[in-house]
Amino acid sequence: MKMGGRIKELIDSHKQMCRFVAHEIRTPLSTIQMTTDSIKRKNKEDALLTKKINSIQEDVSGINRIVGVFLIYSKMQSSEIKLRKSKVDLVSWLKNLLEPFSTSEFDIAFNSGGSSAVFVEIDPDILKHAVANLITNAMKFAESDICVTLSLNDEHVFIHVDDDGPGLPHDHIDDLFSEYMTVGNAVVGEKHIGLGLAIVKKAVDLHKGKVMAVQSPQLKGARFTIVLSKNL
């Protein structure tokens, strides 16, 4: 028991330190962002300088996204996040969630399964992290098409995210939702996912639902499905 308690203390201490570092990183990042904005405004005619500053700002935004993902996951792992449920029309909610992705290079379709409205009690802010992460993940692997589909039966609601990418790996599918798990993409030669799918699972777990990954029967790539009870 003493050893178990000590291990738990070390893990908690490690998490607190990582969160402190992540918060501290955001301060200099904000300073860099503001400074580069100022330089760019004062040198509008210098195309080369503007190009270099844009590159710096893209890197800053990327680091900010990584820090944001880490902080969200850290909060979900602790007892800090409590669901604030409300009755939400998933059809309208998903349409609004997809709006920011409309300018992407991918053709992202939405299929409501013929339903004009599907009301479920969820925490829209928490579940948004799950669905948005699935779409972002699909964008890393898709060739051109992604489809978000809402379907339901008597007891459950299903949110499917399909892509036309290379599909799922033949092994370790059950590990996709583990922390820091990465899957190599042979097409782009990079590794992806990290905490993204772990956040998806945690957000869905908080809703007492489940998330699954299978080969897409629709676009022949990967399909990730969030399953929620109608009576959350």
C-alpha atoms as a PDB file:
ATOM      1  CA  MET A   1       0.000   0.000   0.000  1.00  0.00           C
ATOM      2  CA  LYS A   2       2.849   2.360   0.835  1.00  0.00           C
ATOM      3  CA  MET A   3       4.525   1.687  -2.509  1.00  0.00           C
ATOM      4  CA  GLY A   4       1.209   2.174  -4.347  1.00  0.00           C
ATOM      5  CA  GLY A   5       0.604   5.457  -2.572  1.00  0.00           C
ATOM      6  CA  ARG A   6       4.112   6.653  -3.357  1.00  0.00           C
ATOM      7  CA  ILE A   7       3.705   5.796  -7.041  1.00  0.00           C
ATOM      8  CA  LYS A   8       0.408   7.685  -7.146  1.00  0.00           C
ATOM      9  CA  GLU A   9       2.079  10.719  -5.534  1.00  0.00           C
ATOM     10  CA  LEU A  10       4.857  10.646  -8.128  1.00  0.00           C
ATOM     11  CA  ILE A  11       2.374  10.385 -10.997  1.00  0.00           C
ATOM     12  CA  ASP A  12       0.280  13.248  -9.611  1.00  0.00           C
ATOM     13  CA  SER A  13       3.407  15.343  -9.086  1.00  0.00           C
ATOM     14  CA  HIS A  14       4.531  14.643 -12.639  1.00  0.00           C
ATOM     15  CA  LYS A  15       1.137  15.676 -14.034  1.00  0.00           C
ATOM     16  CA  GLN A  16       1.139  18.892 -12.010  1.00  0.00           C
ATOM     17  CA  MET A  17       4.638  19.753 -13.195  1.00  0.00           C
ATOM     18  CA  CYS A  18       3.749  19.099 -16.842  1.00  0.00           C
ATOM     19  CA  ARG A  19       0.644  21.253 -16.576  1.00  0.00           C
ATOM     20  CA  PHE A  20       2.646  24.044 -14.938  1.00  0.00           C
ATOM     21  CA  VAL A  21       5.201  23.926 -17.756  1.00  0.00           C
ATOM     22  CA  ALA A  22       2.448  23.898 -20.387  1.00  0.00           C
ATOM     23  CA  HIS A  23       0.818  26.988 -18.843  1.00  0.00           C
ATOM     24  CA  GLU A  24       4.171  28.767 -18.617  1.00  0.00           C
ATOM     25  CA  ILE A  25       4.933  28.060 -22.280  1.00  0.00           C
ATOM     26  CA  ARG A  26       1.859  29.997 -23.353  1.00  0.00           C
ATOM     27  CA  THR A  27       3.171  33.300 -21.971  1.00  0.00           C
ATOM     28  CA  PRO A  28       6.272  33.569 -24.200  1.00  0.00           C
ATOM     29  CA  LEU A  29       4.269  32.212 -27.135  1.00  0.00           C
ATOM     30  CA  SER A  30       1.781  35.081 -26.739  1.00  0.00           C
ATOM     31  CA  THR A  31       4.687  37.540 -26.590  1.00  0.00           C
ATOM     32  CA  ILE A  32       6.182  36.088 -29.785  1.00  0.00           C
ATOM     33  CA  GLN A  33       2.807  36.281 -31.520  1.00  0.00           C
ATOM     34  CA  MET A  34       2.262  39.938 -30.567  1.00  0.00           C
ATOM     35  CA  THR A  35       5.817  40.940 -31.453  1.00  0.00           C
ATOM     36  CA  THR A  36       5.726  39.307 -34.875  1.00  0.00           C
ATOM     37  CA  ASP A  37       2.327  40.894 -35.556  1.00  0.00           C
ATOM     38  CA  SER A  38       3.834  44.302 -34.790  1.00  0.00           C
ATOM     39  CA  ILE A  39       6.873  43.686 -37.019  1.00  0.00           C
ATOM     40  CA  LYS A  40       4.648  42.534 -39.864  1.00  0.00           C
ATOM     41  CA  ARG A  41       2.431  45.615 -39.623  1.00  0.00           C
ATOM     42  CA  LYS A  42       5.429  47.934 -39.713  1.00  0.00           C
ATOM     43  CA  ASN A  43       7.020  46.179 -42.694  1.00  0.00           C
ATOM     44  CA  LYS A  44       4.051  45.494 -44.962  1.00  0.00           C
ATOM     45  CA  GLU A  45       6.065  46.169 -48.109  1.00  0.00           C
ATOM     46  CA  ASP A  46       8.788  43.653 -47.295  1.00  0.00           C
ATOM     47  CA  ALA A  47       7.431  40.456 -48.882  1.00  0.00           C
ATOM     48  CA  LEU A  48      10.364  38.258 -47.830  1.00  0.00           C
ATOM     49  CA  LEU A  49      10.181  39.382 -44.204  1.00  0.00           C
ATOM     50  CA  THR A  50       6.414  38.874 -44.179  1.00  0.00           C
ATOM     51  CA  LYS A  51       6.856  35.339 -45.519  1.00  0.00           C
ATOM     52  CA  LYS A  52       9.397  34.497 -42.805  1.00  0.00           C
ATOM     53  CA  ILE A  53       7.197  35.981 -40.068  1.00  0.00           C
ATOM     54  CA  ASN A  54       4.190  34.017 -41.332  1.00  0.00           C
ATOM     55  CA  SER A  55       6.276  30.865 -41.053  1.00  0.00           C
ATOM     56  CA  ILE A  56       7.213  31.736 -37.458  1.00  0.00           C
ATOM     57  CA  GLN A  57       3.579  32.428 -36.586  1.00  0.00           C
ATOM     58  CA  GLU A  58       2.480  29.107 -38.073  1.00  0.00           C
ATOM     59  CA  ASP A  59       5.011  27.341 -35.847  1.00  0.00           C
ATOM     60  CA  VAL A  60       3.796  29.320 -32.813  1.00  0.00           C
ATOM     61  CA  SER A  61       0.195  28.346 -33.599  1.00  0.00           C
ATOM     62  CA  GLY A  62       1.259  24.720 -33.895  1.00  0.00           C
ATOM     63  CA  ILE A  63       2.960  24.788 -30.494  1.00  0.00           C
ATOM     64  CA  ASN A  64      -0.115  26.468 -29.004  1.00  0.00           C
ATOM     65  CA  ARG A  65      -2.321  23.694 -30.366  1.00  0.00           C
ATOM     66  CA  ILE A  66      -0.050  21.044 -28.848  1.00  0.00           C
ATOM     67  CA  VAL A  67      -0.083  22.810 -25.473  1.00  0.00           C
ATOM     68  CA  GLY A  68      -3.869  23.177 -25.679  1.00  0.00           C
ATOM     69  CA  VAL A  69      -4.317  19.469 -26.389  1.00  0.00           C
ATOM     70  CA  PHE A  70      -2.090  18.555 -23.467  1.00  0.00           C
ATOM     71  CA  LEU A  71      -3.949  20.828 -21.055  1.00  0.00           C
ATOM     72  CA  ILE A  72      -7.347  19.499 -22.144  1.00  0.00           C
ATOM     73  CA  TYR A  73      -6.186  15.927 -21.681  1.00  0.00           C
ATOM     74  CA  SER A  74      -4.640  16.703 -18.310  1.00  0.00           C
ATOM     75  CA  LYS A  75      -7.894  18.233 -17.079  1.00  0.00           C
ATOM     76  CA  MET A  76      -9.892  15.269 -18.343  1.00  0.00           C
ATOM     77  CA  GLN A  77      -7.587  12.896 -16.483  1.00  0.00           C
ATOM     78  CA  SER A  78      -8.210  14.740 -13.226  1.00  0.00           C
ATOM     79  CA  SER A  79     -11.438  15.400 -11.387  1.00  0.00           C
ATOM     80  CA  GLU A  80     -11.513  19.015 -12.558  1.00  0.00           C
ATOM     81  CA  ILE A  81     -13.887  18.519 -15.469  1.00  0.00           C
ATOM     82  CA  LYS A  82     -17.515  17.920 -14.617  1.00  0.00           C
ATOM     83  CA  LEU A  83     -20.117  17.436 -17.307  1.00  0.00           C
ATOM     84  CA  ARG A  84     -22.589  20.274 -17.750  1.00  0.00           C
ATOM     85  CA  LYS A  85     -25.275  18.540 -19.711  1.00  0.00           C
ATOM     86  CA  SER A  86     -28.032  20.189 -21.662  1.00  0.00           C
ATOM     87  CA  LYS A  87     -30.546  18.987 -24.223  1.00  0.00           C
ATOM     88  CA  VAL A  88     -28.852  19.450 -27.599  1.00  0.00           C
ATOM     89  CA  ASP A  89     -30.037  18.901 -31.150  1.00  0.00           C
ATOM     90  CA  LEU A  90     -27.145  16.893 -32.566  1.00  0.00           C
ATOM     91  CA  VAL A  91     -28.075  17.716 -36.157  1.00  0.00           C
ATOM     92  CA  SER A  92     -27.713  21.472 -35.653  1.00  0.00           C
ATOM     93  CA  TRP A  93     -24.792  20.992 -33.278  1.00  0.00           C
ATOM     94  CA  LEU A  94     -22.812  18.929 -35.783  1.00  0.00           C
ATOM     95  CA  LYS A  95     -23.548  21.381 -38.604  1.00  0.00           C
ATOM     96  CA  ASN A  96     -22.187  24.228 -36.484  1.00  0.00           C
ATOM     97  CA  LEU A  97     -19.170  22.161 -35.430  1.00  0.00           C
ATOM     98  CA  LEU A  98     -18.337  21.423 -39.072  1.00  0.00           C
ATOM     99  CA  GLU A  99     -18.540  25.056 -40.164  1.00  0.00           C
ATOM    100  CA  PRO A 100     -14.907  25.965 -39.307  1.00  0.00           C
ATOM    101  CA  PHE A 101     -13.730  22.988 -41.381  1.00  0.00           C
ATOM    102  CA  SER A 102     -15.576  24.194 -44.498  1.00  0.00           C
ATOM    103  CA  THR A 103     -12.524  26.089 -45.748  1.00  0.00           C
ATOM    104  CA  SER A 104     -10.241  23.042 -45.621  1.00  0.00           C
ATOM    105  CA  GLU A 105      -8.901  21.372 -48.741  1.00  0.00           C
ATOM    106  CA  PHE A 106     -11.059  18.316 -48.075  1.00  0.00           C
ATOM    107  CA  ASP A 107     -14.617  17.637 -49.122  1.00  0.00           C
ATOM    108  CA  ILE A 108     -16.280  17.179 -45.729  1.00  0.00           C
ATOM    109  CA  ALA A 109     -19.855  15.969 -46.070  1.00  0.00           C
ATOM    110  CA  PHE A 110     -22.513  15.691 -43.386  1.00  0.00           C
ATOM    111  CA  ASN A 111     -25.291  13.123 -43.428  1.00  0.00           C
ATOM    112  CA  SER A 112     -27.974  13.375 -40.751  1.00  0.00           C
ATOM    113  CA  GLY A 113     -29.383   9.972 -41.645  1.00  0.00           C
ATOM    114  CA  GLY A 114     -32.660  11.559 -42.684  1.00  0.00           C
ATOM    115  CA  SER A 115     -33.255  13.091 -39.258  1.00  0.00           C
ATOM    116  CA  SER A 116     -34.111  16.777 -39.065  1.00  0.00           C
ATOM    117  CA  ALA A 117     -33.417  16.861 -35.321  1.00  0.00           C
ATOM    118  CA  VAL A 118     -31.984  14.429 -32.771  1.00  0.00           C
ATOM    119  CA  PHE A 119     -32.075  15.595 -29.154  1.00  0.00           C
ATOM    120  CA  VAL A 120     -29.672  14.100 -26.620  1.00  0.00           C
ATOM    121  CA  GLU A 121     -28.441  15.358 -23.256  1.00  0.00           C
ATOM    122  CA  ILE A 122     -24.706  16.004 -23.572  1.00  0.00           C
ATOM    123  CA  ASP A 123     -22.044  18.462 -22.519  1.00  0.00           C
ATOM    124  CA  PRO A 124     -21.616  20.172 -25.907  1.00  0.00           C
ATOM    125  CA  ASP A 125     -18.248  21.703 -25.024  1.00  0.00           C
ATOM    126  CA  ILE A 126     -16.677  18.437 -23.870  1.00  0.00           C
ATOM    127  CA  LEU A 127     -18.095  16.312 -26.677  1.00  0.00           C
ATOM    128  CA  LYS A 128     -16.961  18.934 -29.193  1.00  0.00           C
ATOM    129  CA  HIS A 129     -13.344  18.028 -28.372  1.00  0.00           C
ATOM    130  CA  ALA A 130     -14.074  14.395 -29.255  1.00  0.00           C
ATOM    131  CA  VAL A 131     -15.766  15.005 -32.612  1.00  0.00           C
ATOM    132  CA  ALA A 132     -13.373  17.787 -33.653  1.00  0.00           C
ATOM    133  CA  ASN A 133     -10.384  15.567 -32.857  1.00  0.00           C
ATOM    134  CA  LEU A 134     -11.827  12.756 -34.978  1.00  0.00           C
ATOM    135  CA  ILE A 135     -12.294  15.144 -37.905  1.00  0.00           C
ATOM    136  CA  THR A 136      -8.803  16.586 -37.477  1.00  0.00           C
ATOM    137  CA  ASN A 137      -7.395  13.077 -37.337  1.00  0.00           C
ATOM    138  CA  ALA A 138      -9.291  12.133 -40.510  1.00  0.00           C
ATOM    139  CA  MET A 139      -7.813  15.177 -42.260  1.00  0.00           C
ATOM    140  CA  LYS A 140      -4.310  13.860 -41.555  1.00  0.00           C
ATOM    141  CA  PHE A 141      -4.978  10.639 -43.433  1.00  0.00           C
ATOM    142  CA  ALA A 142      -7.722  11.357 -45.968  1.00  0.00           C
ATOM    143  CA  GLU A 143      -6.956  11.779 -49.652  1.00  0.00           C
ATOM    144  CA  SER A 144      -9.887  14.053 -50.434  1.00  0.00           C
ATOM    145  CA  ASP A 145     -13.153  12.940 -48.792  1.00  0.00           C
ATOM    146  CA  ILE A 146     -14.413  12.867 -45.215  1.00  0.00           C
ATOM    147  CA  CYS A 147     -17.961  12.165 -44.133  1.00  0.00           C
ATOM    148  CA  VAL A 148     -19.610  12.763 -40.766  1.00  0.00           C
ATOM    149  CA  THR A 149     -22.774  10.713 -40.363  1.00  0.00           C
ATOM    150  CA  LEU A 150     -25.379  10.733 -37.617  1.00  0.00           C
ATOM    151  CA  SER A 151     -27.487   7.610 -37.173  1.00  0.00           C
ATOM    152  CA  LEU A 152     -29.565   6.097 -34.390  1.00  0.00           C
ATOM    153  CA  ASN A 153     -31.544   3.111 -33.207  1.00  0.00           C
ATOM    154  CA  ASP A 154     -33.996   2.661 -30.348  1.00  0.00           C
ATOM    155  CA  GLU A 155     -31.358   3.041 -27.633  1.00  0.00           C
ATOM    156  CA  HIS A 156     -28.262   4.694 -29.083  1.00  0.00           C
ATOM    157  CA  VAL A 157     -26.990   7.553 -31.203  1.00  0.00           C
ATOM    158  CA  PHE A 158     -23.994   7.007 -33.468  1.00  0.00           C
ATOM    159  CA  ILE A 159     -21.615   9.671 -34.791  1.00  0.00           C
ATOM    160  CA  HIS A 160     -19.438   8.217 -37.559  1.00  0.00           C
ATOM    161  CA  VAL A 161     -16.383   9.939 -39.027  1.00  0.00           C
ATOM    162  CA  ASP A 162     -15.200   8.239 -42.236  1.00  0.00           C
ATOM    163  CA  ASP A 163     -12.244   9.054 -44.460  1.00  0.00           C
ATOM    164  CA  ASP A 164     -10.877   7.784 -47.773  1.00  0.00           C
ATOM    165  CA  GLY A 165      -7.322   7.355 -46.491  1.00  0.00           C
ATOM    166  CA  PRO A 166      -5.216   4.186 -46.233  1.00  0.00           C
ATOM    167  CA  GLY A 167      -7.390   2.758 -43.468  1.00  0.00           C
ATOM    168  CA  LEU A 168      -6.469   1.372 -40.075  1.00  0.00           C
ATOM    169  CA  PRO A 169      -3.315  -0.557 -39.226  1.00  0.00           C
ATOM    170  CA  HIS A 170      -3.674  -4.327 -39.290  1.00  0.00           C
ATOM    171  CA  ASP A 171      -2.514  -4.612 -35.699  1.00  0.00           C
ATOM    172  CA  HIS A 172      -2.727  -2.593 -32.474  1.00  0.00           C
ATOM    173  CA  ILE A 173      -6.204  -1.230 -33.319  1.00  0.00           C
ATOM    174  CA  ASP A 174      -7.163  -1.565 -29.657  1.00  0.00           C
ATOM    175  CA  ASP A 175      -4.201   0.639 -28.717  1.00  0.00           C
ATOM    176  CA  LEU A 176      -5.236   3.563 -30.940  1.00  0.00           C
ATOM    177  CA  PHE A 177      -6.925   5.307 -28.012  1.00  0.00           C
ATOM    178  CA  SER A 178      -3.958   4.928 -25.667  1.00  0.00           C
ATOM    179  CA  GLU A 179      -1.936   7.931 -24.531  1.00  0.00           C
ATOM    180  CA  TYR A 180       0.785   9.008 -26.952  1.00  0.00           C
ATOM    181  CA  MET A 181      -0.015   6.209 -29.377  1.00  0.00           C
ATOM    182  CA  THR A 182       1.093   7.110 -32.902  1.00  0.00           C
ATOM    183  CA  VAL A 183       0.342   5.506 -36.226  1.00  0.00           C
ATOM    184  CA  GLY A 184       2.710   5.911 -39.126  1.00  0.00           C
ATOM    185  CA  ASN A 185       1.196   7.199 -42.345  1.00  0.00           C
ATOM    186  CA  ALA A 186       3.063   5.577 -45.214  1.00  0.00           C
ATOM    187  CA  VAL A 187       1.794   8.210 -47.620  1.00  0.00           C
ATOM    188  CA  VAL A 188       3.166  11.274 -45.839  1.00  0.00           C
ATOM    189  CA  GLY A 189       5.912   9.517 -43.913  1.00  0.00           C
ATOM    190  CA  GLU A 190       4.928  10.993 -40.572  1.00  0.00           C
ATOM    191  CA  LYS A 191       3.431   9.893 -37.288  1.00  0.00           C
ATOM    192  CA  HIS A 192       0.174  11.256 -35.987  1.00  0.00           C
ATOM    193  CA  ILE A 193      -2.547  10.952 -33.351  1.00  0.00           C
ATOM    194  CA  GLY A 194      -0.591  11.331 -30.069  1.00  0.00           C
ATOM    195  CA  LEU A 195      -3.095  12.449 -27.435  1.00  0.00           C
ATOM    196  CA  GLY A 196      -5.891  13.220 -29.903  1.00  0.00           C
ATOM    197  CA  LEU A 197      -7.665   9.873 -29.767  1.00  0.00           C
ATOM    198  CA  ALA A 198      -6.986   9.522 -26.027  1.00  0.00           C
ATOM    199  CA  ILE A 199      -8.922  12.791 -25.583  1.00  0.00           C
ATOM    200  CA  VAL A 200     -11.717  11.393 -27.747  1.00  0.00           C
ATOM    201  CA  LYS A 201     -11.992   8.307 -25.559  1.00  0.00           C
ATOM    202  CA  LYS A 202     -11.888  10.277 -22.310  1.00  0.00           C
ATOM    203  CA  ALA A 203     -14.575  12.715 -23.487  1.00  0.00           C
ATOM    204  CA  VAL A 204     -16.795   9.843 -24.581  1.00  0.00           C
ATOM    205  CA  ASP A 205     -16.119   7.905 -21.366  1.00  0.00           C
ATOM    206  CA  LEU A 206     -17.285  10.934 -19.382  1.00  0.00           C
ATOM    207  CA  HIS A 207     -20.585  10.620 -21.280  1.00  0.00           C
ATOM    208  CA  LYS A 208     -20.661   6.883 -20.458  1.00  0.00           C
ATOM    209  CA  GLY A 209     -20.459   6.111 -24.149  1.00  0.00           C
ATOM    210  CA  LYS A 210     -17.897   4.249 -26.198  1.00  0.00           C
ATOM    211  CA  VAL A 211     -15.757   4.878 -29.269  1.00  0.00           C
ATOM    212  CA  MET A 212     -14.799   2.301 -31.888  1.00  0.00           C
ATOM    213  CA  ALA A 213     -12.498   2.107 -34.910  1.00  0.00           C
ATOM    214  CA  VAL A 214     -13.146  -0.077 -37.968  1.00  0.00           C
ATOM    215  CA  GLN A 215     -12.441  -0.030 -41.675  1.00  0.00           C
ATOM    216  CA  SER A 216     -14.857   2.380 -43.341  1.00  0.00           C
ATOM    217  CA  PRO A 217     -17.676   0.634 -45.224  1.00  0.00           C
ATOM    218  CA  GLN A 218     -18.432   3.962 -46.873  1.00  0.00           C
ATOM    219  CA  LEU A 219     -15.160   5.547 -47.992  1.00  0.00           C
ATOM    220  CA  LYS A 220     -12.910   2.473 -47.633  1.00  0.00           C
ATOM    221  CA  GLY A 221     -10.492   4.237 -45.301  1.00  0.00           C
ATOM    222  CA  ALA A 222     -11.005   4.416 -41.530  1.00  0.00           C
ATOM    223  CA  ARG A 223     -14.226   4.850 -39.605  1.00  0.00           C
ATOM    224  CA  PHE A 224     -14.312   6.113 -36.027  1.00  0.00           C
ATOM    225  CA  THR A 225     -17.667   5.880 -34.274  1.00  0.00           C
ATOM    226  CA  ILE A 226     -18.875   7.543 -31.091  1.00  0.00           C
ATOM    227  CA  VAL A 227     -21.758   5.663 -29.470  1.00  0.00           C
ATOM    228  CA  LEU A 228     -23.974   7.516 -27.016  1.00  0.00           C
ATOM    229  CA  SER A 229     -27.029   6.419 -25.129  1.00  0.00           C
ATOM    230  CA  LYS A 230     -30.222   8.300 -25.897  1.00  0.00           C
ATOM    231  CA  ASN A 231     -30.832   8.384 -22.166  1.00  0.00           C
ATOM    232  CA  LEU A 232     -27.581   9.923 -20.920  1.00  0.00           C
END
